[in-house]
Amino acid sequence: MRSGESGFSAIAILTICVAVDLADFLIGWVFGLSLLADILQTVVAVWLFGPLGLVALWELATPIDQVDGFVPTLTILAVTQLRRRAPNRPRSLS
């Protein structure tokens, strides 16, 4: 396991990411809680993906979520990393 990577399966990581994004969606409209949710989201992203998780910092662009609205950042990050965690497969059958 590389530094910054969790020992969870890909499905567990995706589930955690969807849950955190859903929580961000549900409480993101409340000032103060949205800022706290974005900070928590960044902490979870770094925990799961290492330094790559710092991508989630972009959600702190404005404290009232006018810039990002709702973008499921962690879910997108998890889906992009699924391919990297999958076993090597042949690129083509021909």
PDB file of N, CA and C in Angstrom:
ATOM      1  N   MET A   1       0.843  -1.168   0.000  1.00  0.00           N
ATOM      2  CA  MET A   1       0.000   0.000   0.000  1.00  0.00           C
ATOM      3  C   MET A   1       0.895   1.241   0.000  1.00  0.00           C
ATOM      4  N   ARG A   2       0.600   2.156  -0.905  1.00  0.00           N
ATOM      5  CA  ARG A   2       1.380   3.387  -0.990  1.00  0.00           C
ATOM      6  C   ARG A   2       0.944   4.361   0.085  1.00  0.00           C
ATOM      7  N   SER A   3       1.807   5.300   0.354  1.00  0.00           N
ATOM      8  CA  SER A   3       1.517   6.308   1.364  1.00  0.00           C
ATOM      9  C   SER A   3       0.259   7.089   0.982  1.00  0.00           C
ATOM     10  N   GLY A   4      -0.644   7.253   1.953  1.00  0.00           N
ATOM     11  CA  GLY A   4      -1.851   8.027   1.718  1.00  0.00           C
ATOM     12  C   GLY A   4      -3.015   7.216   1.199  1.00  0.00           C
ATOM     13  N   GLU A   5      -2.782   5.952   0.867  1.00  0.00           N
ATOM     14  CA  GLU A   5      -3.877   5.128   0.372  1.00  0.00           C
ATOM     15  C   GLU A   5      -4.475   4.344   1.522  1.00  0.00           C
ATOM     16  N   SER A   6      -5.786   4.237   1.536  1.00  0.00           N
ATOM     17  CA  SER A   6      -6.441   3.476   2.581  1.00  0.00           C
ATOM     18  C   SER A   6      -6.453   2.003   2.199  1.00  0.00           C
ATOM     19  N   GLY A   7      -6.728   1.158   3.150  1.00  0.00           N
ATOM     20  CA  GLY A   7      -6.768  -0.274   2.903  1.00  0.00           C
ATOM     21  C   GLY A   7      -8.153  -0.761   2.533  1.00  0.00           C
ATOM     22  N   PHE A   8      -9.069   0.132   2.211  1.00  0.00           N
ATOM     23  CA  PHE A   8     -10.430  -0.244   1.880  1.00  0.00           C
ATOM     24  C   PHE A   8     -10.540  -0.752   0.450  1.00  0.00           C
ATOM     25  N   SER A   9     -11.577  -1.537   0.190  1.00  0.00           N
ATOM     26  CA  SER A   9     -11.840  -1.971  -1.183  1.00  0.00           C
ATOM     27  C   SER A   9     -12.376  -0.793  -1.987  1.00  0.00           C
ATOM     28  N   ALA A  10     -12.371  -0.948  -3.305  1.00  0.00           N
ATOM     29  CA  ALA A  10     -12.848   0.120  -4.185  1.00  0.00           C
ATOM     30  C   ALA A  10     -14.319   0.426  -3.928  1.00  0.00           C
ATOM     31  N   ILE A  11     -15.126  -0.593  -3.658  1.00  0.00           N
ATOM     32  CA  ILE A  11     -16.557  -0.381  -3.397  1.00  0.00           C
ATOM     33  C   ILE A  11     -16.747   0.365  -2.077  1.00  0.00           C
ATOM     34  N   ALA A  12     -15.941   0.034  -1.063  1.00  0.00           N
ATOM     35  CA  ALA A  12     -16.038   0.735   0.220  1.00  0.00           C
ATOM     36  C   ALA A  12     -15.657   2.202   0.059  1.00  0.00           C
ATOM     37  N   ILE A  13     -14.606   2.462  -0.697  1.00  0.00           N
ATOM     38  CA  ILE A  13     -14.188   3.848  -0.943  1.00  0.00           C
ATOM     39  C   ILE A  13     -15.278   4.619  -1.678  1.00  0.00           C
ATOM     40  N   LEU A  14     -15.851   4.005  -2.699  1.00  0.00           N
ATOM     41  CA  LEU A  14     -16.923   4.659  -3.452  1.00  0.00           C
ATOM     42  C   LEU A  14     -18.123   4.930  -2.553  1.00  0.00           C
ATOM     43  N   THR A  15     -18.463   4.000  -1.690  1.00  0.00           N
ATOM     44  CA  THR A  15     -19.590   4.177  -0.773  1.00  0.00           C
ATOM     45  C   THR A  15     -19.330   5.327   0.201  1.00  0.00           C
ATOM     46  N   ILE A  16     -18.128   5.393   0.759  1.00  0.00           N
ATOM     47  CA  ILE A  16     -17.771   6.486   1.666  1.00  0.00           C
ATOM     48  C   ILE A  16     -17.862   7.820   0.935  1.00  0.00           C
ATOM     49  N   CYS A  17     -17.346   7.864  -0.281  1.00  0.00           N
ATOM     50  CA  CYS A  17     -17.351   9.111  -1.055  1.00  0.00           C
ATOM     51  C   CYS A  17     -18.763   9.565  -1.393  1.00  0.00           C
ATOM     52  N   VAL A  18     -19.626   8.641  -1.785  1.00  0.00           N
ATOM     53  CA  VAL A  18     -21.017   8.992  -2.090  1.00  0.00           C
ATOM     54  C   VAL A  18     -21.708   9.492  -0.826  1.00  0.00           C
ATOM     55  N   ALA A  19     -21.461   8.846   0.312  1.00  0.00           N
ATOM     56  CA  ALA A  19     -22.085   9.272   1.569  1.00  0.00           C
ATOM     57  C   ALA A  19     -21.639  10.680   1.968  1.00  0.00           C
ATOM     58  N   VAL A  20     -20.355  10.977   1.835  1.00  0.00           N
ATOM     59  CA  VAL A  20     -19.853  12.310   2.188  1.00  0.00           C
ATOM     60  C   VAL A  20     -20.407  13.359   1.228  1.00  0.00           C
ATOM     61  N   ASP A  21     -20.464  13.046  -0.068  1.00  0.00           N
ATOM     62  CA  ASP A  21     -21.035  13.991  -1.039  1.00  0.00           C
ATOM     63  C   ASP A  21     -22.529  14.201  -0.785  1.00  0.00           C
ATOM     64  N   LEU A  22     -23.228  13.155  -0.420  1.00  0.00           N
ATOM     65  CA  LEU A  22     -24.654  13.283  -0.114  1.00  0.00           C
ATOM     66  C   LEU A  22     -24.869  14.167   1.112  1.00  0.00           C
ATOM     67  N   ALA A  23     -24.034  13.982   2.134  1.00  0.00           N
ATOM     68  CA  ALA A  23     -24.122  14.838   3.319  1.00  0.00           C
ATOM     69  C   ALA A  23     -23.830  16.288   2.947  1.00  0.00           C
ATOM     70  N   ASP A  24     -22.845  16.501   2.089  1.00  0.00           N
ATOM     71  CA  ASP A  24     -22.524  17.854   1.626  1.00  0.00           C
ATOM     72  C   ASP A  24     -23.709  18.460   0.884  1.00  0.00           C
ATOM     73  N   PHE A  25     -24.386  17.663   0.087  1.00  0.00           N
ATOM     74  CA  PHE A  25     -25.557  18.134  -0.659  1.00  0.00           C
ATOM     75  C   PHE A  25     -26.696  18.512   0.290  1.00  0.00           C
ATOM     76  N   LEU A  26     -26.909  17.688   1.307  1.00  0.00           N
ATOM     77  CA  LEU A  26     -28.045  17.904   2.199  1.00  0.00           C
ATOM     78  C   LEU A  26     -27.845  19.070   3.167  1.00  0.00           C
ATOM     79  N   ILE A  27     -26.606  19.300   3.616  1.00  0.00           N
ATOM     80  CA  ILE A  27     -26.385  20.386   4.571  1.00  0.00           C
ATOM     81  C   ILE A  27     -25.619  21.550   3.962  1.00  0.00           C
ATOM     82  N   GLY A  28     -25.297  21.449   2.677  1.00  0.00           N
ATOM     83  CA  GLY A  28     -24.474  22.466   2.025  1.00  0.00           C
ATOM     84  C   GLY A  28     -25.114  23.829   1.916  1.00  0.00           C
ATOM     85  N   TRP A  29     -26.403  23.931   2.049  1.00  0.00           N
ATOM     86  CA  TRP A  29     -27.070  25.219   1.914  1.00  0.00           C
ATOM     87  C   TRP A  29     -27.082  26.013   3.221  1.00  0.00           C
ATOM     88  N   VAL A  30     -26.668  25.409   4.321  1.00  0.00           N
ATOM     89  CA  VAL A  30     -26.660  26.085   5.611  1.00  0.00           C
ATOM     90  C   VAL A  30     -25.289  26.731   5.823  1.00  0.00           C
ATOM     91  N   PHE A  31     -25.270  28.058   5.941  1.00  0.00           N
ATOM     92  CA  PHE A  31     -24.006  28.767   6.133  1.00  0.00           C
ATOM     93  C   PHE A  31     -23.345  28.273   7.415  1.00  0.00           C
ATOM     94  N   GLY A  32     -22.082  28.052   7.367  1.00  0.00           N
ATOM     95  CA  GLY A  32     -21.349  27.526   8.513  1.00  0.00           C
ATOM     96  C   GLY A  32     -21.223  26.015   8.415  1.00  0.00           C
ATOM     97  N   LEU A  33     -22.350  25.343   8.250  1.00  0.00           N
ATOM     98  CA  LEU A  33     -22.303  23.891   8.070  1.00  0.00           C
ATOM     99  C   LEU A  33     -21.715  23.529   6.716  1.00  0.00           C
ATOM    100  N   SER A  34     -21.963  24.367   5.719  1.00  0.00           N
ATOM    101  CA  SER A  34     -21.399  24.082   4.398  1.00  0.00           C
ATOM    102  C   SER A  34     -19.880  24.182   4.433  1.00  0.00           C
ATOM    103  N   LEU A  35     -19.374  25.165   5.147  1.00  0.00           N
ATOM    104  CA  LEU A  35     -17.932  25.316   5.297  1.00  0.00           C
ATOM    105  C   LEU A  35     -17.342  24.132   6.057  1.00  0.00           C
ATOM    106  N   LEU A  36     -18.002  23.721   7.114  1.00  0.00           N
ATOM    107  CA  LEU A  36     -17.564  22.562   7.890  1.00  0.00           C
ATOM    108  C   LEU A  36     -17.609  21.291   7.036  1.00  0.00           C
ATOM    109  N   ALA A  37     -18.654  21.137   6.229  1.00  0.00           N
ATOM    110  CA  ALA A  37     -18.769  19.965   5.355  1.00  0.00           C
ATOM    111  C   ALA A  37     -17.645  19.945   4.321  1.00  0.00           C
ATOM    112  N   ASP A  38     -17.291  21.100   3.789  1.00  0.00           N
ATOM    113  CA  ASP A  38     -16.208  21.160   2.799  1.00  0.00           C
ATOM    114  C   ASP A  38     -14.853  20.823   3.431  1.00  0.00           C
ATOM    115  N   ILE A  39     -14.640  21.265   4.661  1.00  0.00           N
ATOM    116  CA  ILE A  39     -13.399  20.930   5.362  1.00  0.00           C
ATOM    117  C   ILE A  39     -13.360  19.432   5.655  1.00  0.00           C
ATOM    118  N   LEU A  40     -14.464  18.895   6.134  1.00  0.00           N
ATOM    119  CA  LEU A  40     -14.547  17.454   6.399  1.00  0.00           C
ATOM    120  C   LEU A  40     -14.329  16.657   5.115  1.00  0.00           C
ATOM    121  N   GLN A  41     -14.894  17.138   4.029  1.00  0.00           N
ATOM    122  CA  GLN A  41     -14.748  16.480   2.739  1.00  0.00           C
ATOM    123  C   GLN A  41     -13.275  16.434   2.322  1.00  0.00           C
ATOM    124  N   THR A  42     -12.552  17.500   2.537  1.00  0.00           N
ATOM    125  CA  THR A  42     -11.133  17.530   2.199  1.00  0.00           C
ATOM    126  C   THR A  42     -10.341  16.562   3.078  1.00  0.00           C
ATOM    127  N   VAL A  43     -10.661  16.517   4.359  1.00  0.00           N
ATOM    128  CA  VAL A  43      -9.974  15.592   5.273  1.00  0.00           C
ATOM    129  C   VAL A  43     -10.214  14.145   4.847  1.00  0.00           C
ATOM    130  N   VAL A  44     -11.457  13.809   4.522  1.00  0.00           N
ATOM    131  CA  VAL A  44     -11.775  12.448   4.081  1.00  0.00           C
ATOM    132  C   VAL A  44     -11.067  12.128   2.761  1.00  0.00           C
ATOM    133  N   ALA A  45     -11.023  13.091   1.855  1.00  0.00           N
ATOM    134  CA  ALA A  45     -10.360  12.879   0.563  1.00  0.00           C
ATOM    135  C   ALA A  45      -8.876  12.601   0.737  1.00  0.00           C
ATOM    136  N   VAL A  46      -8.220  13.347   1.611  1.00  0.00           N
ATOM    137  CA  VAL A  46      -6.791  13.124   1.852  1.00  0.00           C
ATOM    138  C   VAL A  46      -6.587  11.784   2.545  1.00  0.00           C
ATOM    139  N   TRP A  47      -7.477  11.424   3.444  1.00  0.00           N
ATOM    140  CA  TRP A  47      -7.405  10.134   4.134  1.00  0.00           C
ATOM    141  C   TRP A  47      -7.523   8.976   3.143  1.00  0.00           C
ATOM    142  N   LEU A  48      -8.434   9.102   2.189  1.00  0.00           N
ATOM    143  CA  LEU A  48      -8.667   8.005   1.242  1.00  0.00           C
ATOM    144  C   LEU A  48      -7.689   7.990   0.078  1.00  0.00           C
ATOM    145  N   PHE A  49      -7.285   9.161  -0.409  1.00  0.00           N
ATOM    146  CA  PHE A  49      -6.508   9.230  -1.645  1.00  0.00           C
ATOM    147  C   PHE A  49      -5.115   9.829  -1.491  1.00  0.00           C
ATOM    148  N   GLY A  50      -4.744  10.190  -0.285  1.00  0.00           N
ATOM    149  CA  GLY A  50      -3.429  10.797  -0.084  1.00  0.00           C
ATOM    150  C   GLY A  50      -3.412  12.218  -0.617  1.00  0.00           C
ATOM    151  N   PRO A  51      -2.256  12.694  -1.057  1.00  0.00           N
ATOM    152  CA  PRO A  51      -2.144  14.075  -1.539  1.00  0.00           C
ATOM    153  C   PRO A  51      -3.092  14.401  -2.690  1.00  0.00           C
ATOM    154  N   LEU A  52      -3.491  13.412  -3.462  1.00  0.00           N
ATOM    155  CA  LEU A  52      -4.452  13.641  -4.545  1.00  0.00           C
ATOM    156  C   LEU A  52      -5.775  14.171  -3.994  1.00  0.00           C
ATOM    157  N   GLY A  53      -6.090  13.836  -2.769  1.00  0.00           N
ATOM    158  CA  GLY A  53      -7.323  14.301  -2.142  1.00  0.00           C
ATOM    159  C   GLY A  53      -7.377  15.798  -1.920  1.00  0.00           C
ATOM    160  N   LEU A  54      -6.235  16.463  -2.009  1.00  0.00           N
ATOM    161  CA  LEU A  54      -6.224  17.921  -1.856  1.00  0.00           C
ATOM    162  C   LEU A  54      -6.997  18.621  -2.969  1.00  0.00           C
ATOM    163  N   VAL A  55      -7.357  17.889  -3.999  1.00  0.00           N
ATOM    164  CA  VAL A  55      -8.212  18.426  -5.066  1.00  0.00           C
ATOM    165  C   VAL A  55      -9.524  18.939  -4.465  1.00  0.00           C
ATOM    166  N   ALA A  56      -9.973  18.328  -3.398  1.00  0.00           N
ATOM    167  CA  ALA A  56     -11.237  18.721  -2.764  1.00  0.00           C
ATOM    168  C   ALA A  56     -11.182  20.122  -2.159  1.00  0.00           C
ATOM    169  N   LEU A  57      -9.997  20.693  -2.028  1.00  0.00           N
ATOM    170  CA  LEU A  57      -9.880  22.051  -1.487  1.00  0.00           C
ATOM    171  C   LEU A  57     -10.564  23.094  -2.362  1.00  0.00           C
ATOM    172  N   TRP A  58     -10.770  22.781  -3.633  1.00  0.00           N
ATOM    173  CA  TRP A  58     -11.399  23.764  -4.522  1.00  0.00           C
ATOM    174  C   TRP A  58     -12.800  24.123  -4.034  1.00  0.00           C
ATOM    175  N   GLU A  59     -13.433  23.237  -3.264  1.00  0.00           N
ATOM    176  CA  GLU A  59     -14.784  23.527  -2.773  1.00  0.00           C
ATOM    177  C   GLU A  59     -14.801  24.638  -1.738  1.00  0.00           C
ATOM    178  N   LEU A  60     -13.638  24.987  -1.211  1.00  0.00           N
ATOM    179  CA  LEU A  60     -13.560  26.082  -0.244  1.00  0.00           C
ATOM    180  C   LEU A  60     -13.394  27.439  -0.922  1.00  0.00           C
ATOM    181  N   ALA A  61     -13.608  27.506  -2.230  1.00  0.00           N
ATOM    182  CA  ALA A  61     -13.424  28.750  -2.987  1.00  0.00           C
ATOM    183  C   ALA A  61     -14.289  29.874  -2.420  1.00  0.00           C
ATOM    184  N   THR A  62     -15.509  29.562  -2.052  1.00  0.00           N
ATOM    185  CA  THR A  62     -16.367  30.544  -1.386  1.00  0.00           C
ATOM    186  C   THR A  62     -17.048  29.852  -0.213  1.00  0.00           C
ATOM    187  N   PRO A  63     -17.172  30.529   0.897  1.00  0.00           N
ATOM    188  CA  PRO A  63     -17.782  29.890   2.068  1.00  0.00           C
ATOM    189  C   PRO A  63     -19.289  29.671   1.944  1.00  0.00           C
ATOM    190  N   ILE A  64     -19.938  30.294   0.954  1.00  0.00           N
ATOM    191  CA  ILE A  64     -21.385  30.121   0.818  1.00  0.00           C
ATOM    192  C   ILE A  64     -21.750  29.249  -0.387  1.00  0.00           C
ATOM    193  N   ASP A  65     -20.798  28.533  -0.921  1.00  0.00           N
ATOM    194  CA  ASP A  65     -21.012  27.552  -1.987  1.00  0.00           C
ATOM    195  C   ASP A  65     -21.628  28.122  -3.262  1.00  0.00           C
ATOM    196  N   GLN A  66     -21.330  29.370  -3.573  1.00  0.00           N
ATOM    197  CA  GLN A  66     -21.840  29.936  -4.815  1.00  0.00           C
ATOM    198  C   GLN A  66     -21.057  29.452  -6.028  1.00  0.00           C
ATOM    199  N   VAL A  67     -19.796  29.114  -5.855  1.00  0.00           N
ATOM    200  CA  VAL A  67     -18.972  28.702  -6.982  1.00  0.00           C
ATOM    201  C   VAL A  67     -19.233  27.248  -7.355  1.00  0.00           C
ATOM    202  N   ASP A  68     -19.203  26.372  -6.357  1.00  0.00           N
ATOM    203  CA  ASP A  68     -19.314  24.953  -6.695  1.00  0.00           C
ATOM    204  C   ASP A  68     -20.746  24.442  -6.696  1.00  0.00           C
ATOM    205  N   GLY A  69     -21.707  25.154  -6.110  1.00  0.00           N
ATOM    206  CA  GLY A  69     -23.075  24.654  -6.083  1.00  0.00           C
ATOM    207  C   GLY A  69     -23.069  23.255  -5.500  1.00  0.00           C
ATOM    208  N   PHE A  70     -23.331  22.277  -6.342  1.00  0.00           N
ATOM    209  CA  PHE A  70     -23.146  20.899  -5.890  1.00  0.00           C
ATOM    210  C   PHE A  70     -22.402  20.130  -6.961  1.00  0.00           C
ATOM    211  N   VAL A  71     -21.190  19.814  -6.663  1.00  0.00           N
ATOM    212  CA  VAL A  71     -20.372  18.944  -7.511  1.00  0.00           C
ATOM    213  C   VAL A  71     -19.917  17.806  -6.611  1.00  0.00           C
ATOM    214  N   PRO A  72     -20.247  16.565  -6.946  1.00  0.00           N
ATOM    215  CA  PRO A  72     -19.845  15.437  -6.094  1.00  0.00           C
ATOM    216  C   PRO A  72     -18.352  15.135  -6.253  1.00  0.00           C
ATOM    217  N   THR A  73     -17.528  15.997  -5.693  1.00  0.00           N
ATOM    218  CA  THR A  73     -16.080  15.930  -5.882  1.00  0.00           C
ATOM    219  C   THR A  73     -15.493  14.590  -5.460  1.00  0.00           C
ATOM    220  N   LEU A  74     -15.860  14.109  -4.283  1.00  0.00           N
ATOM    221  CA  LEU A  74     -15.285  12.848  -3.814  1.00  0.00           C
ATOM    222  C   LEU A  74     -15.729  11.667  -4.671  1.00  0.00           C
ATOM    223  N   THR A  75     -16.979  11.676  -5.085  1.00  0.00           N
ATOM    224  CA  THR A  75     -17.466  10.584  -5.932  1.00  0.00           C
ATOM    225  C   THR A  75     -16.734  10.585  -7.266  1.00  0.00           C
ATOM    226  N   ILE A  76     -16.545  11.747  -7.848  1.00  0.00           N
ATOM    227  CA  ILE A  76     -15.803  11.838  -9.110  1.00  0.00           C
ATOM    228  C   ILE A  76     -14.372  11.355  -8.917  1.00  0.00           C
ATOM    229  N   LEU A  77     -13.752  11.755  -7.827  1.00  0.00           N
ATOM    230  CA  LEU A  77     -12.388  11.319  -7.532  1.00  0.00           C
ATOM    231  C   LEU A  77     -12.323   9.804  -7.351  1.00  0.00           C
ATOM    232  N   ALA A  78     -13.298   9.231  -6.654  1.00  0.00           N
ATOM    233  CA  ALA A  78     -13.323   7.776  -6.442  1.00  0.00           C
ATOM    234  C   ALA A  78     -13.497   7.030  -7.757  1.00  0.00           C
ATOM    235  N   VAL A  79     -14.381   7.514  -8.610  1.00  0.00           N
ATOM    236  CA  VAL A  79     -14.615   6.840  -9.891  1.00  0.00           C
ATOM    237  C   VAL A  79     -13.366   6.909 -10.770  1.00  0.00           C
ATOM    238  N   THR A  80     -12.684   8.039 -10.750  1.00  0.00           N
ATOM    239  CA  THR A  80     -11.471   8.143 -11.563  1.00  0.00           C
ATOM    240  C   THR A  80     -10.369   7.229 -11.041  1.00  0.00           C
ATOM    241  N   GLN A  81     -10.393   6.943  -9.750  1.00  0.00           N
ATOM    242  CA  GLN A  81      -9.362   6.080  -9.174  1.00  0.00           C
ATOM    243  C   GLN A  81      -9.703   4.594  -9.253  1.00  0.00           C
ATOM    244  N   LEU A  82     -10.943   4.249  -9.582  1.00  0.00           N
ATOM    245  CA  LEU A  82     -11.319   2.846  -9.712  1.00  0.00           C
ATOM    246  C   LEU A  82     -10.478   2.148 -10.766  1.00  0.00           C
ATOM    247  N   ARG A  83     -10.232   2.810 -11.850  1.00  0.00           N
ATOM    248  CA  ARG A  83      -9.435   2.239 -12.943  1.00  0.00           C
ATOM    249  C   ARG A  83      -8.003   1.965 -12.492  1.00  0.00           C
ATOM    250  N   ARG A  84      -7.459   2.838 -11.679  1.00  0.00           N
ATOM    251  CA  ARG A  84      -6.091   2.656 -11.203  1.00  0.00           C
ATOM    252  C   ARG A  84      -5.974   1.475 -10.245  1.00  0.00           C
ATOM    253  N   ARG A  85      -7.040   1.200  -9.493  1.00  0.00           N
ATOM    254  CA  ARG A  85      -7.007   0.124  -8.511  1.00  0.00           C
ATOM    255  C   ARG A  85      -7.381  -1.226  -9.109  1.00  0.00           C
ATOM    256  N   ALA A  86      -7.992  -1.208 -10.292  1.00  0.00           N
ATOM    257  CA  ALA A  86      -8.421  -2.460 -10.926  1.00  0.00           C
ATOM    258  C   ALA A  86      -7.205  -3.254 -11.383  1.00  0.00           C
ATOM    259  N   PRO A  87      -7.329  -4.586 -11.396  1.00  0.00           N
ATOM    260  CA  PRO A  87      -6.209  -5.395 -11.889  1.00  0.00           C
ATOM    261  C   PRO A  87      -5.936  -5.096 -13.356  1.00  0.00           C
ATOM    262  N   ASN A  88      -4.708  -5.324 -13.765  1.00  0.00           N
ATOM    263  CA  ASN A  88      -4.336  -5.072 -15.154  1.00  0.00           C
ATOM    264  C   ASN A  88      -5.097  -5.997 -16.077  1.00  0.00           C
ATOM    265  N   ARG A  89      -5.672  -5.421 -17.092  1.00  0.00           N
ATOM    266  CA  ARG A  89      -6.416  -6.188 -18.092  1.00  0.00           C
ATOM    267  C   ARG A  89      -5.855  -5.865 -19.452  1.00  0.00           C
ATOM    268  N   PRO A  90      -5.983  -6.790 -20.393  1.00  0.00           N
ATOM    269  CA  PRO A  90      -5.500  -6.476 -21.743  1.00  0.00           C
ATOM    270  C   PRO A  90      -6.293  -5.316 -22.326  1.00  0.00           C
ATOM    271  N   ARG A  91      -5.628  -4.477 -23.096  1.00  0.00           N
ATOM    272  CA  ARG A  91      -6.301  -3.306 -23.679  1.00  0.00           C
ATOM    273  C   ARG A  91      -7.253  -3.680 -24.787  1.00  0.00           C
ATOM    274  N   SER A  92      -6.927  -4.703 -25.529  1.00  0.00           N
ATOM    275  CA  SER A  92      -7.824  -5.130 -26.598  1.00  0.00           C
ATOM    276  C   SER A  92      -7.734  -6.646 -26.740  1.00  0.00           C
ATOM    277  N   LEU A  93      -8.732  -7.219 -27.332  1.00  0.00           N
ATOM    278  CA  LEU A  93      -8.764  -8.656 -27.513  1.00  0.00           C
ATOM    279  C   LEU A  93      -8.140  -9.091 -28.832  1.00  0.00           C
ATOM    280  N   SER A  94      -7.835  -8.154 -29.706  1.00  0.00           N
ATOM    281  CA  SER A  94      -7.280  -8.520 -30.992  1.00  0.00           C
ATOM    282  C   SER A  94      -5.776  -8.548 -30.981  1.00  0.00           C
TER     283      SER A  94
END
